[in-house]
């Protein structure tokens, strides 16, 4: 589990791992990235791996009962794209990448259920996880089979190498 402050490189790390040639056919899951218009962040998109299906995770102009700050959260795309990608990775026995386990994703019971199933599986998983305390998130961070790594710009390369080597182990 990778945690750290905003803009420390968590998503960049997950993308770089997913794009590594030695792992490219062995990973599944999803990444989230900012949506920007005219230099301003207006939301977040979700992209499945490895097939690159895209949807909207949250947007300022999205009407939803679920809100994080000024963003309306789109649980439908999270479930149809993100949860489906985790499920596909589980059943095809791939390394599971989840970017991220955070406030927006936790609105979805389906996400929490498929995540719990993935965590209980024997498959390797790399996930970014919010720093703030949350009952569900704290249970994940405190699992005996989970390692929590605090990412910063200073340790990015070392963490990347450590994770890549871990995934390459049999």
Protein backbone atom coordinates (compact mmCIF):
# COMPACT_ATOMS: atom_id res chain seq x y z
CA UNK A 1 0.00 0.00 0.00
CA UNK A 2 1.45 3.32 -1.10
CA UNK A 3 0.46 6.43 0.82
CA UNK A 4 1.69 9.98 0.90
CA UNK A 5 0.61 13.57 0.52
CA UNK A 6 -1.14 14.82 -2.63
CA UNK A 7 1.15 15.23 -5.65
CA UNK A 8 3.96 13.04 -4.25
CA UNK A 9 3.81 10.67 -7.23
CA UNK A 10 1.45 7.85 -6.16
CA UNK A 11 -0.40 7.66 -9.50
CA UNK A 12 2.84 8.17 -11.43
CA UNK A 13 4.33 5.20 -9.56
CA UNK A 14 1.35 2.95 -10.39
CA UNK A 15 1.45 4.02 -14.07
CA UNK A 16 5.18 3.42 -14.30
CA UNK A 17 4.77 -0.07 -12.80
CA UNK A 18 1.91 -0.87 -15.21
CA UNK A 19 4.00 0.25 -18.18
CA UNK A 20 7.12 -1.72 -17.28
CA UNK A 21 7.81 -4.10 -20.17
CA UNK A 22 8.49 -7.04 -17.86
CA UNK A 23 5.04 -6.66 -16.25
CA UNK A 24 2.85 -5.28 -19.05
CA UNK A 25 0.94 -8.53 -19.69
CA UNK A 26 0.76 -9.45 -16.01
CA UNK A 27 -1.16 -6.50 -14.53
CA UNK A 28 -4.79 -5.46 -14.25
CA UNK A 29 -6.81 -3.00 -12.24
CA UNK A 30 -7.23 0.73 -12.69
CA UNK A 31 -5.61 4.13 -12.39
CA UNK A 32 -7.15 7.53 -11.76
CA UNK A 33 -5.85 10.78 -13.19
CA UNK A 34 -6.80 14.43 -13.11
CA UNK A 35 -9.03 15.91 -15.79
CA UNK A 36 -7.86 19.40 -16.68
CA UNK A 37 -9.48 22.09 -18.78
CA UNK A 38 -7.71 25.38 -19.49
CA UNK A 39 -5.12 24.49 -16.86
CA UNK A 40 -7.70 23.95 -14.12
CA UNK A 41 -8.53 20.61 -12.52
CA UNK A 42 -12.19 19.85 -13.21
CA UNK A 43 -12.32 16.22 -12.16
CA UNK A 44 -10.79 12.77 -12.31
CA UNK A 45 -10.96 10.04 -14.91
CA UNK A 46 -10.66 6.32 -14.28
CA UNK A 47 -8.86 4.02 -16.72
CA UNK A 48 -8.87 0.23 -16.62
CA UNK A 49 -5.71 -1.80 -17.13
CA UNK A 50 -4.64 -3.26 -19.45
CA UNK A 51 -7.49 -2.43 -21.87
CA UNK A 52 -7.62 1.34 -21.22
CA UNK A 53 -11.40 1.74 -20.91
CA UNK A 54 -12.04 5.24 -19.62
CA UNK A 55 -14.76 6.87 -17.59
CA UNK A 56 -15.37 9.73 -15.21
CA UNK A 57 -14.69 9.09 -11.52
CA UNK A 58 -15.63 12.60 -10.41
CA UNK A 59 -16.24 16.00 -11.91
CA UNK A 60 -17.14 19.45 -10.68
CA UNK A 61 -20.22 19.60 -12.92
CA UNK A 62 -21.36 16.01 -12.19
CA UNK A 63 -24.66 15.73 -10.31
CA UNK A 64 -24.36 13.07 -7.63
CA UNK A 65 -25.49 12.43 -4.06
CA UNK A 66 -21.84 11.58 -3.36
CA UNK A 67 -19.53 14.55 -3.09
CA UNK A 68 -15.91 15.13 -2.17
CA UNK A 69 -15.27 18.85 -1.99
CA UNK A 70 -16.64 20.41 -5.17
CA UNK A 71 -16.63 17.10 -7.08
CA UNK A 72 -19.65 14.90 -7.75
CA UNK A 73 -18.57 11.24 -7.58
CA UNK A 74 -19.64 8.87 -10.37
CA UNK A 75 -19.95 5.47 -8.67
CA UNK A 76 -21.37 3.97 -11.89
CA UNK A 77 -18.10 4.39 -13.83
CA UNK A 78 -16.08 3.35 -10.77
CA UNK A 79 -18.04 0.10 -10.60
CA UNK A 80 -18.36 -0.57 -14.35
CA UNK A 81 -14.73 0.22 -15.16
CA UNK A 82 -12.68 0.06 -11.96
CA UNK A 83 -14.41 -2.79 -10.14
CA UNK A 84 -14.73 -4.79 -13.36
CA UNK A 85 -10.99 -4.36 -13.97
CA UNK A 86 -10.15 -5.58 -10.44
CA UNK A 87 -12.47 -8.55 -10.93
CA UNK A 88 -10.91 -9.39 -14.31
CA UNK A 89 -7.41 -9.19 -12.80
CA UNK A 90 -8.51 -11.50 -9.98
CA UNK A 91 -9.93 -14.12 -12.29
CA UNK A 92 -7.04 -13.98 -14.76
CA UNK A 93 -4.55 -14.19 -11.88
CA UNK A 94 -2.79 -10.94 -12.70
CA UNK A 95 -1.05 -8.50 -10.40
CA UNK A 96 -3.78 -6.16 -9.15
CA UNK A 97 -3.17 -2.41 -9.33
CA UNK A 98 -5.63 -0.09 -7.55
CA UNK A 99 -5.25 3.68 -7.77
CA UNK A 100 -6.74 4.51 -5.32
CA UNK A 101 -8.43 3.54 -2.08
CA UNK A 102 -9.74 6.97 -1.11
CA UNK A 103 -12.80 9.01 -0.20
CA UNK A 104 -14.36 8.88 -3.66
CA UNK A 105 -14.01 5.12 -4.07
CA UNK A 106 -15.31 4.38 -0.58
CA UNK A 107 -18.80 5.59 -1.51
CA UNK A 108 -19.22 2.32 -3.43
CA UNK A 109 -20.15 -0.84 -1.53
CA UNK A 110 -19.31 -2.84 -4.67
CA UNK A 111 -15.79 -1.35 -4.66
CA UNK A 112 -15.30 -2.20 -1.00
CA UNK A 113 -16.51 -5.78 -1.56
CA UNK A 114 -14.35 -6.50 -4.61
CA UNK A 115 -11.37 -4.86 -2.88
CA UNK A 116 -11.85 -7.08 0.20
CA UNK A 117 -12.05 -10.13 -2.08
CA UNK A 118 -8.84 -9.07 -3.85
CA UNK A 119 -7.03 -8.43 -0.57
CA UNK A 120 -7.99 -11.91 0.65
CA UNK A 121 -6.75 -13.54 -2.56
CA UNK A 122 -3.23 -14.94 -2.93
CA UNK A 123 -2.45 -12.49 -5.74
CA UNK A 124 0.01 -9.64 -5.42
CA UNK A 125 -1.52 -6.19 -5.21
CA UNK A 126 -0.21 -2.65 -5.36
CA UNK A 127 -2.61 0.07 -4.26
CA UNK A 128 -2.45 3.72 -3.38
CA UNK A 129 -4.31 4.48 -0.18
CA UNK A 130 -5.35 7.72 1.46
CA UNK A 131 -3.27 9.00 4.36
CA UNK A 132 -6.20 10.18 6.46
CA UNK A 133 -7.81 7.96 9.05
CA UNK A 134 -10.90 6.03 8.06
CA UNK A 135 -12.25 2.87 9.67
CA UNK A 136 -12.28 0.83 6.43
CA UNK A 137 -8.89 2.15 5.28
CA UNK A 138 -7.30 1.67 8.72
CA UNK A 139 -8.29 -2.02 8.67
CA UNK A 140 -6.49 -2.41 5.34
CA UNK A 141 -3.40 -0.56 6.54
CA UNK A 142 -3.27 -2.77 9.66
CA UNK A 143 -3.52 -6.12 7.85
CA UNK A 144 -0.65 -8.45 8.69
CA UNK A 145 -0.16 -9.19 4.98
CA UNK A 146 0.03 -5.51 3.96
CA UNK A 147 3.09 -3.32 3.83
CA UNK A 148 2.51 0.42 4.06
CA UNK A 149 5.06 2.58 2.25
CA UNK A 150 5.12 6.36 2.59
CA UNK A 151 6.03 7.84 -0.79
CA UNK A 152 7.77 11.17 -1.25
CA UNK A 153 9.56 12.81 -4.13
CA UNK A 154 12.84 11.96 -2.36
CA UNK A 155 12.26 8.19 -2.19
CA UNK A 156 10.30 7.69 -5.44
CA UNK A 157 13.06 5.88 -7.36
CA UNK A 158 13.93 3.59 -4.45
CA UNK A 159 10.26 2.67 -3.87
CA UNK A 160 9.74 2.06 -7.59
CA UNK A 161 12.76 -0.28 -7.74
CA UNK A 162 11.71 -2.12 -4.57
CA UNK A 163 8.18 -2.71 -5.87
CA UNK A 164 9.35 -3.75 -9.33
CA UNK A 165 11.75 -6.29 -7.80
CA UNK A 166 8.99 -7.62 -5.52
CA UNK A 167 6.67 -8.16 -8.48
CA UNK A 168 9.39 -9.95 -10.43
CA UNK A 169 9.90 -12.49 -7.61
CA UNK A 170 8.16 -15.84 -8.19
